[in-house]
Amino acid sequence: MIIDSHCHLHFDSFKSDRDQVIASCIEHGVIINTVGTHSGTSKRAVELAEKNENMYATIGLHPTHVFPMEVHGDEYDFISKAETFDEAYYDTLAQSEKVIAVGECGIDLFHLPENKSTEEVLEKQKEVFLKQVDFANKYNLPLVIHVRDAHEQLIQILKSEVRSPKSAVVHCYTSNWGNAGKYLDMGFYLGFTGVITFPPKKTDPKSQEDLIEVVKKCPLNRMLIETDAPYLAPQAYRGQRCEPWMVEDVIKKIAEIRGKTLDEIKNILYQNTLNLFTRMKLKDS
């Protein structure tokens, strides 16, 4: 079995053929953690997980949904919601046995609303993030952390606050070994996506070289794999919608980089995921 530790199968990108994608995941032996980004998608994640065996959900508020704004990227366009973290609402969702983590939450200074200063955005995101740290600790759940263009700020928050996550994964890790080492020192896991299969960018080859260095150096027992589907399809599928079963390509790349067999890496990553997401109860585990 393989676990895609972070995807968004409940998003509208899969609205027309979600059942077929789920069938493909079953065929490939892929177990799914589908991750919420605000109150609505968190609820949908739980509802979908409850309808499907070997599917789980993460609930939380993404930092881009703290302020209203238009969000544009290579693979997405949406209007973000302006939400606060409503603990009573998430308390209700957390009662589901299928909820295994809190997130994705964190700090994002890449997408900024036009009428707000970076300082104001950071302060509000920090407030919402820490509420989710407390919420995760209350339920003894791990945190799924999103960070973009803000590693320095997030690390400072984590180091300066009295409270910190009991356990966490830094989702879609793409930074360098310096930052990776700081997260690992905190006891966190690093989540790797299809980005590790990409060739270096001609305009910025060092960023990919830095990421591959992290894959080489990261302790094997601190790695998770994910797709972030429908985004970031591995190189063999670039230009297509990413689907959770494509996580197999991430395993292959890690095995190649670390000089291990596919089965060795597959077994290690499977166990790592169960070690972090302790509410994930699988029949064969």
C-alpha atoms as a PDB file:
ATOM      1  CA  MET A   1       0.000   0.000   0.000  1.00  0.00           C
ATOM      2  CA  ILE A   2       1.022   3.624  -0.639  1.00  0.00           C
ATOM      3  CA  ILE A   3      -0.230   6.729   1.144  1.00  0.00           C
ATOM      4  CA  ASP A   4      -0.648  10.063  -0.611  1.00  0.00           C
ATOM      5  CA  SER A   5      -0.256  12.154   2.528  1.00  0.00           C
ATOM      6  CA  HIS A   6      -1.617  15.373   1.003  1.00  0.00           C
ATOM      7  CA  CYS A   7      -4.039  15.939  -1.850  1.00  0.00           C
ATOM      8  CA  HIS A   8      -7.306  17.777  -2.494  1.00  0.00           C
ATOM      9  CA  LEU A   9      -9.533  15.136  -4.027  1.00  0.00           C
ATOM     10  CA  HIS A  10     -12.628  16.975  -2.817  1.00  0.00           C
ATOM     11  CA  PHE A  11     -11.806  20.068  -4.923  1.00  0.00           C
ATOM     12  CA  ASP A  12     -13.980  20.954  -7.913  1.00  0.00           C
ATOM     13  CA  SER A  13     -11.165  19.905 -10.258  1.00  0.00           C
ATOM     14  CA  PHE A  14     -12.366  16.334  -9.670  1.00  0.00           C
ATOM     15  CA  LYS A  15     -16.085  17.122  -9.737  1.00  0.00           C
ATOM     16  CA  SER A  16     -16.827  15.396 -13.056  1.00  0.00           C
ATOM     17  CA  ASP A  17     -14.829  12.187 -12.562  1.00  0.00           C
ATOM     18  CA  ARG A  18     -14.028  11.856  -8.866  1.00  0.00           C
ATOM     19  CA  ASP A  19     -15.337   8.281  -8.673  1.00  0.00           C
ATOM     20  CA  GLN A  20     -13.096   7.210 -11.548  1.00  0.00           C
ATOM     21  CA  VAL A  21     -10.064   8.808  -9.882  1.00  0.00           C
ATOM     22  CA  ILE A  22     -10.889   7.035  -6.623  1.00  0.00           C
ATOM     23  CA  ALA A  23     -11.154   3.774  -8.555  1.00  0.00           C
ATOM     24  CA  SER A  24      -7.699   4.396 -10.066  1.00  0.00           C
ATOM     25  CA  CYS A  25      -6.292   4.990  -6.591  1.00  0.00           C
ATOM     26  CA  ILE A  26      -7.785   1.723  -5.355  1.00  0.00           C
ATOM     27  CA  GLU A  27      -6.301  -0.072  -8.366  1.00  0.00           C
ATOM     28  CA  HIS A  28      -2.859   1.355  -7.562  1.00  0.00           C
ATOM     29  CA  GLY A  29      -3.201   0.631  -3.834  1.00  0.00           C
ATOM     30  CA  VAL A  30      -3.085   4.312  -2.881  1.00  0.00           C
ATOM     31  CA  ILE A  31      -4.603   5.526   0.400  1.00  0.00           C
ATOM     32  CA  ILE A  32      -5.572   9.200   0.524  1.00  0.00           C
ATOM     33  CA  ASN A  33      -5.415  12.108   2.954  1.00  0.00           C
ATOM     34  CA  THR A  34      -7.573  14.826   1.406  1.00  0.00           C
ATOM     35  CA  VAL A  35      -6.797  18.236   2.873  1.00  0.00           C
ATOM     36  CA  GLY A  36      -9.086  21.173   3.576  1.00  0.00           C
ATOM     37  CA  THR A  37      -8.174  24.826   3.043  1.00  0.00           C
ATOM     38  CA  HIS A  38     -11.097  26.639   4.675  1.00  0.00           C
ATOM     39  CA  SER A  39     -14.394  25.853   6.449  1.00  0.00           C
ATOM     40  CA  GLY A  40     -16.195  24.732   3.299  1.00  0.00           C
ATOM     41  CA  THR A  41     -13.471  22.541   1.822  1.00  0.00           C
ATOM     42  CA  SER A  42     -12.667  21.083   5.239  1.00  0.00           C
ATOM     43  CA  LYS A  43     -16.279  19.961   5.594  1.00  0.00           C
ATOM     44  CA  ARG A  44     -16.239  18.500   2.085  1.00  0.00           C
ATOM     45  CA  ALA A  45     -13.000  16.666   2.850  1.00  0.00           C
ATOM     46  CA  VAL A  46     -14.554  15.020   5.892  1.00  0.00           C
ATOM     47  CA  GLU A  47     -17.727  14.103   4.007  1.00  0.00           C
ATOM     48  CA  LEU A  48     -15.748  12.506   1.180  1.00  0.00           C
ATOM     49  CA  ALA A  49     -13.473  10.603   3.556  1.00  0.00           C
ATOM     50  CA  GLU A  50     -16.430   9.243   5.488  1.00  0.00           C
ATOM     51  CA  LYS A  51     -17.887   7.808   2.285  1.00  0.00           C
ATOM     52  CA  ASN A  52     -14.710   5.995   1.257  1.00  0.00           C
ATOM     53  CA  GLU A  53     -12.655   3.293   2.910  1.00  0.00           C
ATOM     54  CA  ASN A  54      -8.946   4.061   3.268  1.00  0.00           C
ATOM     55  CA  MET A  55      -9.536   7.786   2.763  1.00  0.00           C
ATOM     56  CA  TYR A  56      -8.892  10.353   5.486  1.00  0.00           C
ATOM     57  CA  ALA A  57      -9.276  14.090   5.972  1.00  0.00           C
ATOM     58  CA  THR A  58      -7.348  17.074   7.309  1.00  0.00           C
ATOM     59  CA  ILE A  59      -9.248  20.164   8.451  1.00  0.00           C
ATOM     60  CA  GLY A  60      -8.035  23.739   8.735  1.00  0.00           C
ATOM     61  CA  LEU A  61      -7.629  27.235   7.340  1.00  0.00           C
ATOM     62  CA  HIS A  62      -5.021  28.030   4.676  1.00  0.00           C
ATOM     63  CA  PRO A  63      -3.203  31.368   5.112  1.00  0.00           C
ATOM     64  CA  THR A  64      -4.388  32.684   1.730  1.00  0.00           C
ATOM     65  CA  HIS A  65      -7.953  32.569   3.064  1.00  0.00           C
ATOM     66  CA  VAL A  66      -7.308  34.996   5.896  1.00  0.00           C
ATOM     67  CA  PHE A  67      -7.855  38.006   3.582  1.00  0.00           C
ATOM     68  CA  PRO A  68     -10.104  38.262   0.510  1.00  0.00           C
ATOM     69  CA  MET A  69      -8.131  38.492  -2.726  1.00  0.00           C
ATOM     70  CA  GLU A  70      -7.748  37.109  -6.206  1.00  0.00           C
ATOM     71  CA  VAL A  71      -5.178  34.328  -6.239  1.00  0.00           C
ATOM     72  CA  HIS A  72      -3.478  33.398  -9.506  1.00  0.00           C
ATOM     73  CA  GLY A  73      -0.866  30.759 -10.244  1.00  0.00           C
ATOM     74  CA  ASP A  74       0.364  28.494 -13.019  1.00  0.00           C
ATOM     75  CA  GLU A  75      -2.199  25.827 -12.106  1.00  0.00           C
ATOM     76  CA  TYR A  76      -4.935  27.701 -10.239  1.00  0.00           C
ATOM     77  CA  ASP A  77      -7.121  30.793 -10.172  1.00  0.00           C
ATOM     78  CA  PHE A  78      -9.571  31.473  -7.361  1.00  0.00           C
ATOM     79  CA  ILE A  79     -10.938  34.169  -5.118  1.00  0.00           C
ATOM     80  CA  SER A  80      -9.862  33.534  -1.552  1.00  0.00           C
ATOM     81  CA  LYS A  81     -12.286  33.768   1.329  1.00  0.00           C
ATOM     82  CA  ALA A  82     -11.822  36.033   4.336  1.00  0.00           C
ATOM     83  CA  GLU A  83     -12.198  33.702   7.306  1.00  0.00           C
ATOM     84  CA  THR A  84     -11.241  33.487  10.924  1.00  0.00           C
ATOM     85  CA  PHE A  85     -10.563  30.125  12.510  1.00  0.00           C
ATOM     86  CA  ASP A  86     -13.931  29.242  14.029  1.00  0.00           C
ATOM     87  CA  GLU A  87     -12.939  26.743  16.706  1.00  0.00           C
ATOM     88  CA  ALA A  88     -16.506  25.664  17.461  1.00  0.00           C
ATOM     89  CA  TYR A  89     -17.072  24.825  13.795  1.00  0.00           C
ATOM     90  CA  TYR A  90     -13.868  22.801  13.546  1.00  0.00           C
ATOM     91  CA  ASP A  91     -14.664  21.126  16.881  1.00  0.00           C
ATOM     92  CA  THR A  92     -17.667  19.571  15.153  1.00  0.00           C
ATOM     93  CA  LEU A  93     -15.602  18.343  12.208  1.00  0.00           C
ATOM     94  CA  ALA A  94     -12.912  16.932  14.500  1.00  0.00           C
ATOM     95  CA  GLN A  95     -15.409  14.469  15.963  1.00  0.00           C
ATOM     96  CA  SER A  96     -15.145  12.384  12.806  1.00  0.00           C
ATOM     97  CA  GLU A  97     -12.898   9.347  13.112  1.00  0.00           C
ATOM     98  CA  LYS A  98     -11.650  10.135   9.621  1.00  0.00           C
ATOM     99  CA  VAL A  99     -10.018  13.430  10.691  1.00  0.00           C
ATOM    100  CA  ILE A 100      -6.291  12.762  11.136  1.00  0.00           C
ATOM    101  CA  ALA A 101      -4.663  16.224  11.152  1.00  0.00           C
ATOM    102  CA  VAL A 102      -5.139  20.001  11.254  1.00  0.00           C
ATOM    103  CA  GLY A 103      -4.257  22.132   8.233  1.00  0.00           C
ATOM    104  CA  GLU A 104      -3.188  23.073   5.853  1.00  0.00           C
ATOM    105  CA  CYS A 105      -2.239  26.140   7.810  1.00  0.00           C
ATOM    106  CA  GLY A 106       0.825  28.332   8.051  1.00  0.00           C
ATOM    107  CA  ILE A 107       2.365  31.440   6.543  1.00  0.00           C
ATOM    108  CA  ASP A 108       2.204  32.545   2.894  1.00  0.00           C
ATOM    109  CA  LEU A 109       3.885  35.789   1.828  1.00  0.00           C
ATOM    110  CA  PHE A 110       3.817  34.937  -1.869  1.00  0.00           C
ATOM    111  CA  HIS A 111       0.150  35.782  -2.374  1.00  0.00           C
ATOM    112  CA  LEU A 112      -0.534  39.174  -0.802  1.00  0.00           C
ATOM    113  CA  PRO A 113      -3.721  41.273  -0.910  1.00  0.00           C
ATOM    114  CA  GLU A 114      -3.206  44.602  -2.667  1.00  0.00           C
ATOM    115  CA  ASN A 115      -4.471  46.787   0.156  1.00  0.00           C
ATOM    116  CA  LYS A 116      -2.511  45.209   3.023  1.00  0.00           C
ATOM    117  CA  SER A 117       1.102  45.571   4.091  1.00  0.00           C
ATOM    118  CA  THR A 118       3.300  42.497   4.467  1.00  0.00           C
ATOM    119  CA  GLU A 119       3.516  43.214   8.198  1.00  0.00           C
ATOM    120  CA  GLU A 120      -0.271  43.295   8.553  1.00  0.00           C
ATOM    121  CA  VAL A 121      -0.676  40.069   6.564  1.00  0.00           C
ATOM    122  CA  LEU A 122       2.027  38.315   8.582  1.00  0.00           C
ATOM    123  CA  GLU A 123       0.506  39.356  11.909  1.00  0.00           C
ATOM    124  CA  LYS A 124      -2.952  38.094  10.972  1.00  0.00           C
ATOM    125  CA  GLN A 125      -1.641  34.855   9.482  1.00  0.00           C
ATOM    126  CA  LYS A 126       0.433  34.290  12.624  1.00  0.00           C
ATOM    127  CA  GLU A 127      -2.635  34.747  14.817  1.00  0.00           C
ATOM    128  CA  VAL A 128      -4.681  32.263  12.775  1.00  0.00           C
ATOM    129  CA  PHE A 129      -1.789  29.793  12.575  1.00  0.00           C
ATOM    130  CA  LEU A 130      -1.275  29.760  16.342  1.00  0.00           C
ATOM    131  CA  LYS A 131      -4.975  29.171  16.928  1.00  0.00           C
ATOM    132  CA  GLN A 132      -4.633  26.058  14.799  1.00  0.00           C
ATOM    133  CA  VAL A 133      -1.529  24.975  16.692  1.00  0.00           C
ATOM    134  CA  ASP A 134      -3.579  25.131  19.887  1.00  0.00           C
ATOM    135  CA  PHE A 135      -6.474  23.321  18.226  1.00  0.00           C
ATOM    136  CA  ALA A 136      -4.223  20.526  16.969  1.00  0.00           C
ATOM    137  CA  ASN A 137      -2.658  20.120  20.399  1.00  0.00           C
ATOM    138  CA  LYS A 138      -6.104  20.028  22.039  1.00  0.00           C
ATOM    139  CA  TYR A 139      -7.048  17.034  19.896  1.00  0.00           C
ATOM    140  CA  ASN A 140      -3.543  15.539  19.907  1.00  0.00           C
ATOM    141  CA  LEU A 141      -3.439  15.821  16.120  1.00  0.00           C
ATOM    142  CA  PRO A 142      -0.428  16.603  13.927  1.00  0.00           C
ATOM    143  CA  LEU A 143      -0.241  19.856  12.007  1.00  0.00           C
ATOM    144  CA  VAL A 144       0.021  20.080   8.214  1.00  0.00           C
ATOM    145  CA  ILE A 145       2.039  23.228   7.564  1.00  0.00           C
ATOM    146  CA  HIS A 146       1.958  25.378   4.433  1.00  0.00           C
ATOM    147  CA  VAL A 147       4.811  27.837   3.983  1.00  0.00           C
ATOM    148  CA  ARG A 148       5.675  29.898   0.908  1.00  0.00           C
ATOM    149  CA  ASP A 149       8.205  32.716   0.729  1.00  0.00           C
ATOM    150  CA  ALA A 150       8.120  32.753   4.526  1.00  0.00           C
ATOM    151  CA  HIS A 151      10.449  30.112   5.972  1.00  0.00           C
ATOM    152  CA  GLU A 152      12.386  32.669   8.010  1.00  0.00           C
ATOM    153  CA  GLN A 153       9.188  34.126   9.447  1.00  0.00           C
ATOM    154  CA  LEU A 154       7.594  30.747  10.202  1.00  0.00           C
ATOM    155  CA  ILE A 155      10.718  29.373  11.860  1.00  0.00           C
ATOM    156  CA  GLN A 156      10.930  32.512  13.994  1.00  0.00           C
ATOM    157  CA  ILE A 157       7.291  32.100  15.056  1.00  0.00           C
ATOM    158  CA  LEU A 158       7.838  28.455  15.942  1.00  0.00           C
ATOM    159  CA  LYS A 159      10.968  29.215  17.933  1.00  0.00           C
ATOM    160  CA  SER A 160       9.658  32.282  19.759  1.00  0.00           C
ATOM    161  CA  GLU A 161       6.266  30.948  20.851  1.00  0.00           C
ATOM    162  CA  VAL A 162       5.821  29.071  24.106  1.00  0.00           C
ATOM    163  CA  ARG A 163       3.422  26.665  22.412  1.00  0.00           C
ATOM    164  CA  SER A 164       4.378  24.641  19.365  1.00  0.00           C
ATOM    165  CA  PRO A 165       2.901  21.684  17.446  1.00  0.00           C
ATOM    166  CA  LYS A 166       3.354  18.323  19.125  1.00  0.00           C
ATOM    167  CA  SER A 167       3.982  16.890  15.668  1.00  0.00           C
ATOM    168  CA  ALA A 168       3.905  18.299  12.147  1.00  0.00           C
ATOM    169  CA  VAL A 169       4.797  17.933   8.493  1.00  0.00           C
ATOM    170  CA  VAL A 170       6.002  20.791   6.311  1.00  0.00           C
ATOM    171  CA  HIS A 171       3.869  20.184   3.256  1.00  0.00           C
ATOM    172  CA  CYS A 172       5.330  20.379  -0.278  1.00  0.00           C
ATOM    173  CA  TYR A 173       8.865  21.099   0.885  1.00  0.00           C
ATOM    174  CA  THR A 174      10.864  22.935  -1.804  1.00  0.00           C
ATOM    175  CA  SER A 175      13.383  25.005   0.167  1.00  0.00           C
ATOM    176  CA  ASN A 176      17.047  24.364   0.992  1.00  0.00           C
ATOM    177  CA  TRP A 177      18.901  22.190   3.474  1.00  0.00           C
ATOM    178  CA  GLY A 178      19.444  25.074   5.902  1.00  0.00           C
ATOM    179  CA  ASN A 179      15.721  25.494   6.484  1.00  0.00           C
ATOM    180  CA  ALA A 180      15.102  21.749   6.315  1.00  0.00           C
ATOM    181  CA  GLY A 181      17.557  21.181   9.146  1.00  0.00           C
ATOM    182  CA  LYS A 182      15.695  23.651  11.358  1.00  0.00           C
ATOM    183  CA  TYR A 183      12.377  21.911  10.799  1.00  0.00           C
ATOM    184  CA  LEU A 184      13.946  18.507  11.368  1.00  0.00           C
ATOM    185  CA  ASP A 185      15.494  19.760  14.620  1.00  0.00           C
ATOM    186  CA  MET A 186      11.938  20.598  15.747  1.00  0.00           C
ATOM    187  CA  GLY A 187      10.974  16.981  15.123  1.00  0.00           C
ATOM    188  CA  PHE A 188       8.933  17.728  12.003  1.00  0.00           C
ATOM    189  CA  TYR A 189       8.546  15.644   8.863  1.00  0.00           C
ATOM    190  CA  LEU A 190       9.119  16.978   5.342  1.00  0.00           C
ATOM    191  CA  GLY A 191       6.564  16.261   2.623  1.00  0.00           C
ATOM    192  CA  PHE A 192       7.895  15.817  -0.921  1.00  0.00           C
ATOM    193  CA  THR A 193       5.792  16.154  -4.077  1.00  0.00           C
ATOM    194  CA  GLY A 194       6.259  15.625  -7.801  1.00  0.00           C
ATOM    195  CA  VAL A 195       8.406  18.770  -7.764  1.00  0.00           C
ATOM    196  CA  ILE A 196      11.405  16.559  -6.952  1.00  0.00           C
ATOM    197  CA  THR A 197      10.985  14.934 -10.393  1.00  0.00           C
ATOM    198  CA  PHE A 198      11.189  18.248 -12.279  1.00  0.00           C
ATOM    199  CA  PRO A 199      14.309  19.190 -14.266  1.00  0.00           C
ATOM    200  CA  PRO A 200      16.200  22.285 -13.066  1.00  0.00           C
ATOM    201  CA  LYS A 201      14.841  25.576 -14.377  1.00  0.00           C
ATOM    202  CA  LYS A 202      17.180  27.236 -16.848  1.00  0.00           C
ATOM    203  CA  THR A 203      16.572  30.557 -15.114  1.00  0.00           C
ATOM    204  CA  ASP A 204      17.113  29.162 -11.609  1.00  0.00           C
ATOM    205  CA  PRO A 205      18.830  25.746 -11.564  1.00  0.00           C
ATOM    206  CA  LYS A 206      20.047  26.149  -7.980  1.00  0.00           C
ATOM    207  CA  SER A 207      16.582  25.894  -6.441  1.00  0.00           C
ATOM    208  CA  GLN A 208      16.145  22.375  -7.814  1.00  0.00           C
ATOM    209  CA  GLU A 209      19.706  21.456  -6.852  1.00  0.00           C
ATOM    210  CA  ASP A 210      18.968  22.641  -3.306  1.00  0.00           C
ATOM    211  CA  LEU A 211      15.797  20.549  -3.169  1.00  0.00           C
ATOM    212  CA  ILE A 212      17.547  17.403  -4.375  1.00  0.00           C
ATOM    213  CA  GLU A 213      20.205  17.996  -1.700  1.00  0.00           C
ATOM    214  CA  VAL A 214      17.435  17.925   0.896  1.00  0.00           C
ATOM    215  CA  VAL A 215      16.107  14.638  -0.491  1.00  0.00           C
ATOM    216  CA  LYS A 216      19.644  13.225  -0.282  1.00  0.00           C
ATOM    217  CA  LYS A 217      20.239  14.371   3.293  1.00  0.00           C
ATOM    218  CA  CYS A 218      16.826  14.128   4.962  1.00  0.00           C
ATOM    219  CA  PRO A 219      16.656  11.169   7.377  1.00  0.00           C
ATOM    220  CA  LEU A 220      14.553   8.510   5.706  1.00  0.00           C
ATOM    221  CA  ASN A 221      12.345   8.239   8.781  1.00  0.00           C
ATOM    222  CA  ARG A 222      11.391  11.925   8.470  1.00  0.00           C
ATOM    223  CA  MET A 223      10.082  11.855   4.891  1.00  0.00           C
ATOM    224  CA  LEU A 224       6.501  11.803   3.655  1.00  0.00           C
ATOM    225  CA  ILE A 225       5.271  11.697   0.068  1.00  0.00           C
ATOM    226  CA  GLU A 226       2.360  13.588  -1.430  1.00  0.00           C
ATOM    227  CA  THR A 227       0.941  14.851  -4.692  1.00  0.00           C
ATOM    228  CA  ASP A 228      -0.915  18.049  -3.716  1.00  0.00           C
ATOM    229  CA  ALA A 229      -3.329  16.921  -6.459  1.00  0.00           C
ATOM    230  CA  PRO A 230      -4.810  18.445  -8.551  1.00  0.00           C
ATOM    231  CA  TYR A 231      -1.553  20.439  -8.645  1.00  0.00           C
ATOM    232  CA  LEU A 232       2.110  19.635  -9.327  1.00  0.00           C
ATOM    233  CA  ALA A 233       1.862  16.516 -11.488  1.00  0.00           C
ATOM    234  CA  PRO A 234       5.205  14.657 -11.642  1.00  0.00           C
ATOM    235  CA  GLN A 235       7.370  15.338 -14.673  1.00  0.00           C
ATOM    236  CA  ALA A 236       6.047  12.344 -16.636  1.00  0.00           C
ATOM    237  CA  TYR A 237       2.557  13.861 -16.421  1.00  0.00           C
ATOM    238  CA  ARG A 238       3.343  17.583 -16.655  1.00  0.00           C
ATOM    239  CA  GLY A 239       0.541  19.529 -18.240  1.00  0.00           C
ATOM    240  CA  GLN A 240      -2.057  17.086 -16.931  1.00  0.00           C
ATOM    241  CA  ARG A 241      -4.186  17.309 -13.822  1.00  0.00           C
ATOM    242  CA  CYS A 242      -2.343  15.606 -10.994  1.00  0.00           C
ATOM    243  CA  GLU A 243      -4.063  12.605  -9.412  1.00  0.00           C
ATOM    244  CA  PRO A 244      -3.179  10.857  -6.124  1.00  0.00           C
ATOM    245  CA  TRP A 245      -2.007   7.610  -7.743  1.00  0.00           C
ATOM    246  CA  MET A 246       0.786   9.595  -9.419  1.00  0.00           C
ATOM    247  CA  VAL A 247       2.511   9.656  -6.023  1.00  0.00           C
ATOM    248  CA  GLU A 248       4.236   6.454  -7.179  1.00  0.00           C
ATOM    249  CA  ASP A 249       6.582   8.622  -9.254  1.00  0.00           C
ATOM    250  CA  VAL A 250       7.673  10.484  -6.115  1.00  0.00           C
ATOM    251  CA  ILE A 251       8.606   7.185  -4.483  1.00  0.00           C
ATOM    252  CA  LYS A 252      10.605   6.148  -7.549  1.00  0.00           C
ATOM    253  CA  LYS A 253      12.545   9.414  -7.537  1.00  0.00           C
ATOM    254  CA  ILE A 254      13.393   9.141  -3.834  1.00  0.00           C
ATOM    255  CA  ALA A 255      14.557   5.545  -4.334  1.00  0.00           C
ATOM    256  CA  GLU A 256      16.728   6.668  -7.238  1.00  0.00           C
ATOM    257  CA  ILE A 257      18.260   9.566  -5.281  1.00  0.00           C
ATOM    258  CA  ARG A 258      18.882   7.509  -2.132  1.00  0.00           C
ATOM    259  CA  GLY A 259      20.143   4.376  -3.910  1.00  0.00           C
ATOM    260  CA  LYS A 260      17.489   2.140  -2.351  1.00  0.00           C
ATOM    261  CA  THR A 261      15.058  -0.329  -3.833  1.00  0.00           C
ATOM    262  CA  LEU A 262      11.528   0.776  -4.575  1.00  0.00           C
ATOM    263  CA  ASP A 263      10.114  -1.586  -1.951  1.00  0.00           C
ATOM    264  CA  GLU A 264      12.521  -0.350   0.712  1.00  0.00           C
ATOM    265  CA  ILE A 265      11.482   3.276   0.209  1.00  0.00           C
ATOM    266  CA  LYS A 266       7.806   2.392  -0.162  1.00  0.00           C
ATOM    267  CA  ASN A 267       7.773   0.539   3.170  1.00  0.00           C
ATOM    268  CA  ILE A 268       9.660   3.288   5.007  1.00  0.00           C
ATOM    269  CA  LEU A 269       7.375   6.050   3.718  1.00  0.00           C
ATOM    270  CA  TYR A 270       4.264   4.035   4.518  1.00  0.00           C
ATOM    271  CA  GLN A 271       5.362   3.554   8.118  1.00  0.00           C
ATOM    272  CA  ASN A 272       6.424   7.189   8.462  1.00  0.00           C
ATOM    273  CA  THR A 273       2.937   8.307   7.494  1.00  0.00           C
ATOM    274  CA  LEU A 274       1.316   6.052  10.071  1.00  0.00           C
ATOM    275  CA  ASN A 275       3.782   7.272  12.693  1.00  0.00           C
ATOM    276  CA  LEU A 276       2.722  10.875  12.104  1.00  0.00           C
ATOM    277  CA  PHE A 277      -0.988  10.390  11.454  1.00  0.00           C
ATOM    278  CA  THR A 278      -1.747   8.152  14.423  1.00  0.00           C
ATOM    279  CA  ARG A 279      -5.525   8.352  13.836  1.00  0.00           C
ATOM    280  CA  MET A 280      -5.061   6.676  10.459  1.00  0.00           C
ATOM    281  CA  LYS A 281      -6.228   3.134  11.166  1.00  0.00           C
ATOM    282  CA  LEU A 282      -5.652   0.795   8.252  1.00  0.00           C
ATOM    283  CA  LYS A 283      -6.734  -2.835   8.094  1.00  0.00           C
ATOM    284  CA  ASP A 284      -3.265  -4.136   7.259  1.00  0.00           C
ATOM    285  CA  SER A 285      -1.320  -1.859   9.661  1.00  0.00           C
END
